Amino acid sequence: MQELLIIGSITTDLANTAAETATRFGLNWPQFIAQAVNFCIVAAVLWFFASKPIIRMLEERRQRIAQSMADAQRVKEELAKAESQRQEILTKANEEAKALIDEARTLASQLREQEAQKAVTAAEEIIAKAKEATRADYDKMLEQLKGEVSRLVVETTSKVIGRTLSAEDQKRLNAEALLQLGQNAETSSK
């Protein structure tokens, strides 16, 4: 029971405090209505004069952000396109460089082959000239030998016979000796 009395006294104290507060902070209806009207006027003024510019500013900002996002996307796409073009150019340059190197190697090989062919041709010409010179020296030496042999045959024959040979005999002996030497030279060259 005592508990009920305590609860009752607390509620009474609270009710007294609320009544006292209401009288102290009492609700003055005419003043409350004036404040409510003032609030509505201020809210309407703010709505028409402040909220529209704020909304417009927020819309402009939203559009700028959207434009910035679109520009960033466009820049990103252009950057990707530029990167692919750069890769394409590098690939093309590498292919051209390889082609130039291959062409240079081919030209060097052809030049080397041409120079080797020129050297072979020059060597063959030198060998041919040497053979010609050797043949010419051989023919010259053979002619000298024929002349010397003819002279020796005539001289030996005149000593053996003991008389001087006539011009006609010398010619005949020279012809026979040359004929004999020619046959010997032909058989030795074969």
Protein backbone atom coordinates (compact mmCIF):
# COMPACT_ATOMS: atom_id res chain seq x y z
CA MET A 1 0.00 0.00 0.00
CA GLN A 2 2.68 2.28 0.77
CA GLU A 3 3.89 1.85 -2.69
CA LEU A 4 0.66 3.14 -4.03
CA LEU A 5 0.95 6.17 -1.89
CA ILE A 6 4.44 6.83 -3.15
CA ILE A 7 3.34 6.45 -6.76
CA GLY A 8 0.35 8.69 -6.13
CA SER A 9 2.50 11.37 -4.56
CA ILE A 10 4.95 11.23 -7.49
CA THR A 11 2.13 11.61 -10.00
CA THR A 12 0.71 14.50 -8.05
CA ASP A 13 4.10 16.17 -8.01
CA LEU A 14 4.45 15.66 -11.74
CA ALA A 15 1.00 17.05 -12.40
CA ASN A 16 1.75 20.08 -10.25
CA THR A 17 5.05 20.60 -12.06
CA ALA A 18 3.32 20.34 -15.46
CA ALA A 19 0.63 22.81 -14.44
CA GLU A 20 3.20 25.17 -13.06
CA THR A 21 5.23 24.89 -16.26
CA ALA A 22 2.15 25.44 -18.41
CA THR A 23 1.33 28.59 -16.52
CA ARG A 24 4.88 29.76 -16.62
CA PHE A 25 5.34 28.88 -20.32
CA GLY A 26 1.73 29.22 -21.07
CA LEU A 27 0.34 29.09 -24.55
CA ASN A 28 -0.72 32.51 -25.69
CA TRP A 29 -3.01 31.79 -28.62
CA PRO A 30 -2.92 35.17 -30.37
CA GLN A 31 0.84 35.24 -30.18
CA PHE A 32 1.05 31.60 -31.34
CA ILE A 33 -1.14 32.35 -34.38
CA ALA A 34 0.95 35.43 -35.24
CA GLN A 35 4.12 33.36 -35.02
CA ALA A 36 2.58 30.65 -37.19
CA VAL A 37 1.57 33.26 -39.81
CA ASN A 38 5.06 34.78 -39.68
CA PHE A 39 6.57 31.32 -40.13
CA CYS A 40 4.35 30.63 -43.17
CA ILE A 41 5.27 34.01 -44.70
CA VAL A 42 9.00 33.41 -44.15
CA ALA A 43 8.66 29.87 -45.54
CA ALA A 44 6.82 31.16 -48.64
CA VAL A 45 9.40 33.93 -49.20
CA LEU A 46 12.23 31.44 -48.80
CA TRP A 47 10.45 28.99 -51.11
CA PHE A 48 9.95 31.52 -53.91
CA PHE A 49 13.10 33.59 -53.56
CA ALA A 50 15.69 31.25 -52.06
CA SER A 51 14.71 27.72 -53.01
CA LYS A 52 14.34 28.37 -56.75
CA PRO A 53 17.88 29.82 -57.09
CA ILE A 54 19.20 27.03 -54.88
CA ILE A 55 17.38 24.40 -56.96
CA ARG A 56 18.57 26.09 -60.16
CA MET A 57 22.15 26.19 -58.79
CA LEU A 58 21.91 22.53 -57.79
CA GLU A 59 20.58 21.65 -61.27
CA GLU A 60 23.44 23.58 -62.92
CA ARG A 61 25.89 21.80 -60.68
CA ARG A 62 24.32 18.44 -61.55
CA GLN A 63 24.62 19.31 -65.25
CA ARG A 64 28.26 20.37 -64.81
CA ILE A 65 29.01 17.12 -63.01
CA ALA A 66 27.25 15.15 -65.75
CA GLN A 67 29.19 17.12 -68.40
CA SER A 68 32.44 16.51 -66.50
CA MET A 69 31.66 12.81 -66.34
CA ALA A 70 30.89 12.76 -70.08
CA ASP A 71 34.10 14.71 -70.79
CA ALA A 72 36.09 12.32 -68.61
CA GLN A 73 34.59 9.36 -70.47
CA ARG A 74 35.34 11.01 -73.84
CA VAL A 75 38.93 11.75 -72.73
CA LYS A 76 39.27 8.15 -71.54
CA GLU A 77 38.04 6.87 -74.93
CA GLU A 78 40.36 9.27 -76.80
CA LEU A 79 43.26 8.16 -74.61
CA ALA A 80 42.48 4.51 -75.36
CA LYS A 81 42.22 5.35 -79.06
CA ALA A 82 45.53 7.25 -78.95
CA GLU A 83 47.16 4.31 -77.15
CA SER A 84 45.91 1.88 -79.78
CA GLN A 85 47.16 4.21 -82.53
CA ARG A 86 50.52 4.43 -80.77
CA GLN A 87 50.71 0.65 -80.59
CA GLU A 88 49.70 0.44 -84.25
CA ILE A 89 52.40 2.95 -85.22
CA LEU A 90 55.01 1.10 -83.16
CA THR A 91 54.02 -2.21 -84.73
CA LYS A 92 54.15 -0.70 -88.20
CA ALA A 93 57.53 0.92 -87.47
CA ASN A 94 58.89 -2.41 -86.20
CA GLU A 95 57.64 -4.17 -89.33
CA GLU A 96 59.20 -1.49 -91.54
CA ALA A 97 62.48 -1.74 -89.62
CA LYS A 98 62.48 -5.52 -90.01
CA ALA A 99 61.74 -5.15 -93.72
CA LEU A 100 64.61 -2.65 -94.08
CA ILE A 101 66.98 -4.94 -92.20
CA ASP A 102 65.94 -7.92 -94.34
CA GLU A 103 66.34 -5.82 -97.49
CA ALA A 104 69.77 -4.65 -96.33
CA ARG A 105 70.80 -8.23 -95.61
CA THR A 106 69.53 -9.33 -99.03
CA LEU A 107 71.36 -6.48 -100.74
CA ALA A 108 74.53 -7.25 -98.78
CA SER A 109 74.26 -10.91 -99.77
CA GLN A 110 73.69 -9.96 -103.41
CA LEU A 111 76.59 -7.51 -103.28
CA ARG A 112 78.80 -10.16 -101.69
CA GLU A 113 77.76 -12.62 -104.40
CA GLN A 114 78.38 -10.04 -107.14
CA GLU A 115 81.81 -9.24 -105.70
CA ALA A 116 82.63 -12.94 -105.49
CA GLN A 117 81.50 -13.37 -109.11
CA LYS A 118 83.62 -10.37 -110.12
CA ALA A 119 86.60 -11.89 -108.33
CA VAL A 120 86.04 -15.23 -110.07
CA THR A 121 85.70 -13.46 -113.43
CA ALA A 122 88.84 -11.42 -112.76
CA ALA A 123 90.73 -14.57 -111.76
CA GLU A 124 89.55 -16.34 -114.91
CA GLU A 125 90.65 -13.34 -117.00
CA ILE A 126 94.06 -13.35 -115.31
CA ILE A 127 94.39 -17.09 -115.91
CA ALA A 128 93.36 -16.66 -119.56
CA LYS A 129 95.85 -13.81 -120.02
CA ALA A 130 98.56 -15.87 -118.34
CA LYS A 131 97.79 -18.78 -120.67
CA GLU A 132 97.90 -16.44 -123.67
CA ALA A 133 101.18 -14.95 -122.49
CA THR A 134 102.59 -18.42 -121.88
CA ARG A 135 101.40 -19.56 -125.31
CA ALA A 136 102.88 -16.44 -126.94
CA ASP A 137 106.19 -16.98 -125.12
CA TYR A 138 106.11 -20.63 -126.14
CA ASP A 139 105.42 -19.74 -129.79
CA LYS A 140 108.14 -17.07 -129.74
CA MET A 141 110.61 -19.45 -128.17
CA LEU A 142 109.65 -22.13 -130.70
CA GLU A 143 110.26 -19.70 -133.56
CA GLN A 144 113.64 -18.78 -132.11
CA LEU A 145 114.44 -22.43 -131.64
CA LYS A 146 113.44 -23.22 -135.22
CA GLY A 147 115.67 -20.45 -136.49
CA GLU A 148 118.55 -21.58 -134.32
CA VAL A 149 118.08 -25.24 -135.28
CA SER A 150 117.94 -24.32 -138.97
CA ARG A 151 121.13 -22.34 -138.64
CA LEU A 152 122.81 -25.17 -136.75
CA VAL A 153 121.63 -27.75 -139.31
CA VAL A 154 123.01 -25.68 -142.16
CA GLU A 155 126.26 -25.05 -140.33
CA THR A 156 126.65 -28.69 -139.33
CA THR A 157 125.80 -29.94 -142.78
CA SER A 158 128.33 -27.61 -144.39
CA LYS A 159 131.01 -28.82 -141.99
CA VAL A 160 130.10 -32.46 -142.62
CA ILE A 161 130.03 -32.04 -146.37
CA GLY A 162 133.08 -29.87 -146.31
CA ARG A 163 131.80 -27.33 -148.70
CA THR A 164 129.62 -24.29 -148.49
CA LEU A 165 126.01 -24.95 -149.30
CA SER A 166 124.29 -22.96 -151.93
CA ALA A 167 121.33 -20.78 -151.05
CA GLU A 168 119.01 -23.33 -152.63
CA ASP A 169 120.47 -26.18 -150.53
CA GLN A 170 120.20 -24.05 -147.38
CA LYS A 171 116.52 -23.35 -148.09
CA ARG A 172 115.79 -27.02 -148.72
CA LEU A 173 117.56 -28.11 -145.50
CA ASN A 174 115.85 -25.35 -143.51
CA ALA A 175 112.46 -26.45 -144.84
CA GLU A 176 113.15 -30.10 -143.97
CA ALA A 177 114.36 -29.16 -140.49
CA LEU A 178 111.37 -26.91 -139.87
CA LEU A 179 109.02 -29.60 -141.10
CA GLN A 180 110.66 -32.08 -138.76
CA LEU A 181 110.50 -29.62 -135.82
CA GLY A 182 106.86 -28.77 -136.56
CA GLN A 183 105.90 -32.44 -136.47
CA ASN A 184 107.80 -32.91 -133.21
CA ALA A 185 106.16 -29.79 -131.68
CA GLU A 186 102.68 -30.97 -132.65
CA THR A 187 103.18 -34.38 -131.11
CA SER A 188 104.64 -32.88 -127.91
CA SER A 189 101.79 -30.35 -127.50
CA LYS A 190 99.14 -33.07 -127.86
